């Protein structure tokens, strides 16, 4: 359903009076629904157990409580109403219920608990025997305590400065037949004179 109209509505809830910009939509639930934008703008704290909303307005603390049941608003006595059975909330959902809640709420928070291992011996038991043998054999390579953060960046500690027209210091590593070397040098010099390559 797309919102095509907005209006500024004066609202009074007990001691709270304000003008709220509302989206206009057809609904049979209530006259005004105070949604997430209003909750965010007013920095509202919702106390779920008491079902109240608390926020500051013009230096005063405002507490919004739930409205009375319909029969209490119509003047019926409490004795005529059957007692409401208090149930503890169920926090476990099966897959179908989970998918249904996900489709309605669009936001899901999941708490996944895992058992904490206290010693490194416990973790070595779960590792395959071949891997644990390598870990124990080369244990001195890895530190006992691994830092919680990345190591600081280090500067480059080495540099090779090449001087033009100088011979390479380790010539045996760059072996080339003398005639091939002279031909290659001639091509390089020719390309440098034409400006196709330059000394880096």
C-alpha atoms as a PDB file:
ATOM      1  CA  UNK A   1       0.000   0.000   0.000  1.00  0.00           C
ATOM      2  CA  UNK A   2       1.539   3.307  -1.024  1.00  0.00           C
ATOM      3  CA  UNK A   3       1.266   6.508   0.994  1.00  0.00           C
ATOM      4  CA  UNK A   4      -0.106   9.401  -1.072  1.00  0.00           C
ATOM      5  CA  UNK A   5      -1.141  11.877   1.640  1.00  0.00           C
ATOM      6  CA  UNK A   6       0.390  13.308   4.812  1.00  0.00           C
ATOM      7  CA  UNK A   7      -1.120  15.626   7.402  1.00  0.00           C
ATOM      8  CA  UNK A   8      -0.183  17.443  10.621  1.00  0.00           C
ATOM      9  CA  UNK A   9      -2.308  16.147  13.514  1.00  0.00           C
ATOM     10  CA  UNK A  10      -2.594  17.734  16.978  1.00  0.00           C
ATOM     11  CA  UNK A  11      -2.417  14.925  19.539  1.00  0.00           C
ATOM     12  CA  UNK A  12      -3.092  14.847  23.296  1.00  0.00           C
ATOM     13  CA  UNK A  13      -2.272  11.794  25.425  1.00  0.00           C
ATOM     14  CA  UNK A  14      -2.648  12.725  29.090  1.00  0.00           C
ATOM     15  CA  UNK A  15      -0.010  15.390  29.788  1.00  0.00           C
ATOM     16  CA  UNK A  16       1.575  14.945  26.367  1.00  0.00           C
ATOM     17  CA  UNK A  17       0.478  17.430  23.705  1.00  0.00           C
ATOM     18  CA  UNK A  18       2.161  17.770  20.340  1.00  0.00           C
ATOM     19  CA  UNK A  19       1.646  18.076  16.585  1.00  0.00           C
ATOM     20  CA  UNK A  20       2.693  14.966  14.674  1.00  0.00           C
ATOM     21  CA  UNK A  21       3.105  14.589  10.919  1.00  0.00           C
ATOM     22  CA  UNK A  22       1.185  11.436   9.974  1.00  0.00           C
ATOM     23  CA  UNK A  23       0.811   9.311   6.843  1.00  0.00           C
ATOM     24  CA  UNK A  24      -2.847   8.911   5.827  1.00  0.00           C
ATOM     25  CA  UNK A  25      -3.931   5.293   5.258  1.00  0.00           C
ATOM     26  CA  UNK A  26      -7.296   3.512   5.522  1.00  0.00           C
ATOM     27  CA  UNK A  27      -7.390   1.202   8.579  1.00  0.00           C
ATOM     28  CA  UNK A  28      -9.812  -0.293  11.078  1.00  0.00           C
ATOM     29  CA  UNK A  29      -7.320  -0.678  13.941  1.00  0.00           C
ATOM     30  CA  UNK A  30      -7.095   2.786  15.474  1.00  0.00           C
ATOM     31  CA  UNK A  31      -7.299   6.457  14.628  1.00  0.00           C
ATOM     32  CA  UNK A  32      -3.538   7.066  14.977  1.00  0.00           C
ATOM     33  CA  UNK A  33      -0.626   4.636  15.159  1.00  0.00           C
ATOM     34  CA  UNK A  34       2.597   6.066  16.552  1.00  0.00           C
ATOM     35  CA  UNK A  35       5.227   4.214  14.565  1.00  0.00           C
ATOM     36  CA  UNK A  36       8.981   3.910  14.390  1.00  0.00           C
ATOM     37  CA  UNK A  37       9.703   7.449  13.114  1.00  0.00           C
ATOM     38  CA  UNK A  38       7.889   8.920  16.124  1.00  0.00           C
ATOM     39  CA  UNK A  39       9.581   6.465  18.513  1.00  0.00           C
ATOM     40  CA  UNK A  40      12.962   7.441  17.051  1.00  0.00           C
ATOM     41  CA  UNK A  41      12.329  11.209  17.077  1.00  0.00           C
ATOM     42  CA  UNK A  42      11.136  11.187  20.707  1.00  0.00           C
ATOM     43  CA  UNK A  43      13.833   8.694  21.871  1.00  0.00           C
ATOM     44  CA  UNK A  44      11.135   6.500  23.412  1.00  0.00           C
ATOM     45  CA  UNK A  45      12.018   3.658  25.791  1.00  0.00           C
ATOM     46  CA  UNK A  46       9.599   0.711  25.666  1.00  0.00           C
ATOM     47  CA  UNK A  47       9.238  -1.369  28.844  1.00  0.00           C
ATOM     48  CA  UNK A  48       7.797  -4.644  27.603  1.00  0.00           C
ATOM     49  CA  UNK A  49       6.828  -6.198  30.929  1.00  0.00           C
ATOM     50  CA  UNK A  50       4.866  -3.120  32.045  1.00  0.00           C
ATOM     51  CA  UNK A  51       3.782  -2.398  28.429  1.00  0.00           C
ATOM     52  CA  UNK A  52       4.597   1.290  28.823  1.00  0.00           C
ATOM     53  CA  UNK A  53       6.457   3.844  26.721  1.00  0.00           C
ATOM     54  CA  UNK A  54       8.578   6.514  28.448  1.00  0.00           C
ATOM     55  CA  UNK A  55      10.110   9.635  26.900  1.00  0.00           C
ATOM     56  CA  UNK A  56      11.029  13.237  27.707  1.00  0.00           C
ATOM     57  CA  UNK A  57       8.889  16.114  26.383  1.00  0.00           C
ATOM     58  CA  UNK A  58       9.492  19.782  27.270  1.00  0.00           C
ATOM     59  CA  UNK A  59      11.613  18.760  30.257  1.00  0.00           C
ATOM     60  CA  UNK A  60       9.003  16.385  31.697  1.00  0.00           C
ATOM     61  CA  UNK A  61       8.982  12.594  31.710  1.00  0.00           C
ATOM     62  CA  UNK A  62       5.917  11.269  29.912  1.00  0.00           C
ATOM     63  CA  UNK A  63       4.707   7.698  30.530  1.00  0.00           C
ATOM     64  CA  UNK A  64       2.242   6.242  28.031  1.00  0.00           C
ATOM     65  CA  UNK A  65       0.244   3.331  29.457  1.00  0.00           C
ATOM     66  CA  UNK A  66      -1.992   0.905  27.552  1.00  0.00           C
ATOM     67  CA  UNK A  67      -5.628   1.868  27.094  1.00  0.00           C
ATOM     68  CA  UNK A  68      -8.317   0.148  29.153  1.00  0.00           C
ATOM     69  CA  UNK A  69     -10.065  -2.944  27.777  1.00  0.00           C
ATOM     70  CA  UNK A  70     -13.170  -2.203  25.701  1.00  0.00           C
ATOM     71  CA  UNK A  71     -15.666  -3.458  28.318  1.00  0.00           C
ATOM     72  CA  UNK A  72     -14.038  -1.274  31.011  1.00  0.00           C
ATOM     73  CA  UNK A  73     -14.388   1.775  28.743  1.00  0.00           C
ATOM     74  CA  UNK A  74     -18.072   0.949  28.235  1.00  0.00           C
ATOM     75  CA  UNK A  75     -18.701   0.891  32.006  1.00  0.00           C
ATOM     76  CA  UNK A  76     -18.847  -2.879  32.641  1.00  0.00           C
ATOM     77  CA  UNK A  77     -17.683  -4.074  36.038  1.00  0.00           C
ATOM     78  CA  UNK A  78     -14.663  -6.302  36.514  1.00  0.00           C
ATOM     79  CA  UNK A  79     -16.847  -9.054  37.999  1.00  0.00           C
ATOM     80  CA  UNK A  80     -18.692  -9.552  34.720  1.00  0.00           C
ATOM     81  CA  UNK A  81     -15.440 -10.120  32.834  1.00  0.00           C
ATOM     82  CA  UNK A  82     -13.896 -13.581  32.980  1.00  0.00           C
ATOM     83  CA  UNK A  83     -10.358 -13.537  34.394  1.00  0.00           C
ATOM     84  CA  UNK A  84      -7.645 -13.499  31.769  1.00  0.00           C
ATOM     85  CA  UNK A  85      -5.402 -16.511  32.011  1.00  0.00           C
ATOM     86  CA  UNK A  86      -1.754 -15.486  32.399  1.00  0.00           C
ATOM     87  CA  UNK A  87       0.538 -17.502  30.162  1.00  0.00           C
ATOM     88  CA  UNK A  88       4.293 -17.448  30.099  1.00  0.00           C
ATOM     89  CA  UNK A  89       5.627 -16.402  26.697  1.00  0.00           C
ATOM     90  CA  UNK A  90       7.033 -19.198  24.578  1.00  0.00           C
ATOM     91  CA  UNK A  91      10.465 -18.359  23.191  1.00  0.00           C
ATOM     92  CA  UNK A  92      10.937 -21.421  20.959  1.00  0.00           C
ATOM     93  CA  UNK A  93       9.593 -21.492  17.399  1.00  0.00           C
ATOM     94  CA  UNK A  94       9.464 -24.296  14.919  1.00  0.00           C
ATOM     95  CA  UNK A  95      10.562 -23.672  11.334  1.00  0.00           C
ATOM     96  CA  UNK A  96       7.093 -22.809  10.029  1.00  0.00           C
ATOM     97  CA  UNK A  97       6.421 -20.323  12.851  1.00  0.00           C
ATOM     98  CA  UNK A  98       9.866 -18.800  12.372  1.00  0.00           C
ATOM     99  CA  UNK A  99       9.278 -18.248   8.639  1.00  0.00           C
ATOM    100  CA  UNK A 100       5.847 -16.732   9.406  1.00  0.00           C
ATOM    101  CA  UNK A 101       7.344 -14.302  11.953  1.00  0.00           C
ATOM    102  CA  UNK A 102      10.148 -13.433   9.548  1.00  0.00           C
ATOM    103  CA  UNK A 103       7.669 -12.576   6.790  1.00  0.00           C
ATOM    104  CA  UNK A 104       5.651 -10.349   9.129  1.00  0.00           C
ATOM    105  CA  UNK A 105       8.433  -8.572  11.026  1.00  0.00           C
ATOM    106  CA  UNK A 106      11.092  -8.383   8.268  1.00  0.00           C
ATOM    107  CA  UNK A 107      13.769  -8.129  11.013  1.00  0.00           C
ATOM    108  CA  UNK A 108      15.062 -11.074  13.025  1.00  0.00           C
ATOM    109  CA  UNK A 109      17.554 -11.149  15.856  1.00  0.00           C
ATOM    110  CA  UNK A 110      19.001 -14.550  16.665  1.00  0.00           C
ATOM    111  CA  UNK A 111      21.013 -15.523  19.716  1.00  0.00           C
ATOM    112  CA  UNK A 112      23.260 -18.497  19.097  1.00  0.00           C
ATOM    113  CA  UNK A 113      25.015 -19.980  22.102  1.00  0.00           C
ATOM    114  CA  UNK A 114      28.104 -22.132  21.948  1.00  0.00           C
ATOM    115  CA  UNK A 115      30.085 -23.878  24.628  1.00  0.00           C
ATOM    116  CA  UNK A 116      33.272 -22.058  25.610  1.00  0.00           C
ATOM    117  CA  UNK A 117      36.467 -24.094  25.677  1.00  0.00           C
ATOM    118  CA  UNK A 118      38.653 -23.364  28.683  1.00  0.00           C
ATOM    119  CA  UNK A 119      41.917 -25.055  27.721  1.00  0.00           C
ATOM    120  CA  UNK A 120      43.819 -25.582  24.510  1.00  0.00           C
ATOM    121  CA  UNK A 121      43.944 -29.332  25.245  1.00  0.00           C
ATOM    122  CA  UNK A 122      40.186 -29.562  24.598  1.00  0.00           C
ATOM    123  CA  UNK A 123      40.575 -28.050  21.141  1.00  0.00           C
ATOM    124  CA  UNK A 124      43.461 -30.370  20.277  1.00  0.00           C
ATOM    125  CA  UNK A 125      41.228 -33.386  20.977  1.00  0.00           C
ATOM    126  CA  UNK A 126      38.797 -32.357  18.212  1.00  0.00           C
ATOM    127  CA  UNK A 127      41.556 -31.841  15.633  1.00  0.00           C
ATOM    128  CA  UNK A 128      42.402 -34.880  13.488  1.00  0.00           C
ATOM    129  CA  UNK A 129      45.408 -36.851  14.816  1.00  0.00           C
ATOM    130  CA  UNK A 130      47.650 -36.049  11.825  1.00  0.00           C
ATOM    131  CA  UNK A 131      47.061 -32.318  12.198  1.00  0.00           C
ATOM    132  CA  UNK A 132      47.554 -32.327  15.976  1.00  0.00           C
ATOM    133  CA  UNK A 133      50.839 -34.209  15.479  1.00  0.00           C
ATOM    134  CA  UNK A 134      52.089 -31.448  13.139  1.00  0.00           C
ATOM    135  CA  UNK A 135      50.926 -28.767  15.580  1.00  0.00           C
ATOM    136  CA  UNK A 136      52.788 -30.333  18.484  1.00  0.00           C
ATOM    137  CA  UNK A 137      55.898 -30.989  16.363  1.00  0.00           C
ATOM    138  CA  UNK A 138      56.113 -27.376  15.170  1.00  0.00           C
ATOM    139  CA  UNK A 139      54.707 -25.757  18.313  1.00  0.00           C
ATOM    140  CA  UNK A 140      57.711 -23.459  18.726  1.00  0.00           C
ATOM    141  CA  UNK A 141      56.900 -21.738  15.418  1.00  0.00           C
ATOM    142  CA  UNK A 142      53.599 -20.284  16.639  1.00  0.00           C
ATOM    143  CA  UNK A 143      53.540 -17.979  19.688  1.00  0.00           C
ATOM    144  CA  UNK A 144      51.701 -19.104  22.824  1.00  0.00           C
ATOM    145  CA  UNK A 145      49.546 -15.964  22.830  1.00  0.00           C
ATOM    146  CA  UNK A 146      48.212 -14.562  19.576  1.00  0.00           C
ATOM    147  CA  UNK A 147      47.547 -10.782  19.592  1.00  0.00           C
ATOM    148  CA  UNK A 148      43.920  -9.636  19.335  1.00  0.00           C
ATOM    149  CA  UNK A 149      44.715  -7.081  16.641  1.00  0.00           C
ATOM    150  CA  UNK A 150      46.689  -6.801  13.441  1.00  0.00           C
ATOM    151  CA  UNK A 151      50.362  -5.979  13.622  1.00  0.00           C
ATOM    152  CA  UNK A 152      51.282  -2.370  12.790  1.00  0.00           C
ATOM    153  CA  UNK A 153      52.243  -1.549   9.215  1.00  0.00           C
ATOM    154  CA  UNK A 154      55.973  -1.625   8.605  1.00  0.00           C
ATOM    155  CA  UNK A 155      58.038   0.378   6.136  1.00  0.00           C
ATOM    156  CA  UNK A 156      59.895  -1.365   3.335  1.00  0.00           C
ATOM    157  CA  UNK A 157      63.236  -2.276   4.855  1.00  0.00           C
ATOM    158  CA  UNK A 158      65.136  -2.898   1.637  1.00  0.00           C
ATOM    159  CA  UNK A 159      65.720  -1.186  -1.684  1.00  0.00           C
ATOM    160  CA  UNK A 160      67.826  -1.935  -4.731  1.00  0.00           C
ATOM    161  CA  UNK A 161      69.278   1.157  -6.369  1.00  0.00           C
ATOM    162  CA  UNK A 162      70.262   0.602  -9.998  1.00  0.00           C
ATOM    163  CA  UNK A 163      72.681   3.028 -11.619  1.00  0.00           C
ATOM    164  CA  UNK A 164      72.403   3.466 -15.416  1.00  0.00           C
ATOM    165  CA  UNK A 165      75.347   2.105 -17.470  1.00  0.00           C
ATOM    166  CA  UNK A 166      76.704   0.095 -14.556  1.00  0.00           C
ATOM    167  CA  UNK A 167      77.326  -3.630 -14.619  1.00  0.00           C
ATOM    168  CA  UNK A 168      75.162  -5.961 -12.592  1.00  0.00           C
ATOM    169  CA  UNK A 169      76.826  -7.005  -9.331  1.00  0.00           C
ATOM    170  CA  UNK A 170      75.906 -10.689  -9.629  1.00  0.00           C
ATOM    171  CA  UNK A 171      76.611 -11.238 -13.300  1.00  0.00           C
ATOM    172  CA  UNK A 172      76.727 -15.075 -13.104  1.00  0.00           C
ATOM    173  CA  UNK A 173      73.000 -15.030 -12.245  1.00  0.00           C
ATOM    174  CA  UNK A 174      72.269 -13.136 -15.448  1.00  0.00           C
ATOM    175  CA  UNK A 175      74.307 -15.311 -17.831  1.00  0.00           C
ATOM    176  CA  UNK A 176      73.930 -14.489 -21.490  1.00  0.00           C
ATOM    177  CA  UNK A 177      76.163 -15.104 -24.477  1.00  0.00           C
ATOM    178  CA  UNK A 178      78.287 -12.023 -25.249  1.00  0.00           C
ATOM    179  CA  UNK A 179      76.898 -11.557 -28.777  1.00  0.00           C
ATOM    180  CA  UNK A 180      73.315 -11.868 -27.469  1.00  0.00           C
ATOM    181  CA  UNK A 181      74.091  -9.354 -24.721  1.00  0.00           C
ATOM    182  CA  UNK A 182      75.570  -6.841 -27.202  1.00  0.00           C
ATOM    183  CA  UNK A 183      72.580  -7.218 -29.542  1.00  0.00           C
ATOM    184  CA  UNK A 184      70.129  -6.726 -26.651  1.00  0.00           C
ATOM    185  CA  UNK A 185      72.083  -3.686 -25.401  1.00  0.00           C
ATOM    186  CA  UNK A 186      72.006  -2.167 -28.919  1.00  0.00           C
ATOM    187  CA  UNK A 187      68.199  -2.630 -29.124  1.00  0.00           C
ATOM    188  CA  UNK A 188      67.696  -1.119 -25.670  1.00  0.00           C
ATOM    189  CA  UNK A 189      69.912   1.894 -26.463  1.00  0.00           C
ATOM    190  CA  UNK A 190      68.082   2.418 -29.757  1.00  0.00           C
ATOM    191  CA  UNK A 191      64.670   2.325 -28.033  1.00  0.00           C
ATOM    192  CA  UNK A 192      65.895   4.746 -25.360  1.00  0.00           C
ATOM    193  CA  UNK A 193      67.111   7.223 -28.014  1.00  0.00           C
ATOM    194  CA  UNK A 194      63.736   7.104 -29.780  1.00  0.00           C
ATOM    195  CA  UNK A 195      61.995   7.700 -26.442  1.00  0.00           C
ATOM    196  CA  UNK A 196      59.989   4.461 -26.432  1.00  0.00           C
ATOM    197  CA  UNK A 197      61.525   3.359 -23.124  1.00  0.00           C
ATOM    198  CA  UNK A 198      63.327   5.179 -20.337  1.00  0.00           C
ATOM    199  CA  UNK A 199      65.436   4.361 -17.315  1.00  0.00           C
ATOM    200  CA  UNK A 200      63.303   3.613 -14.282  1.00  0.00           C
END
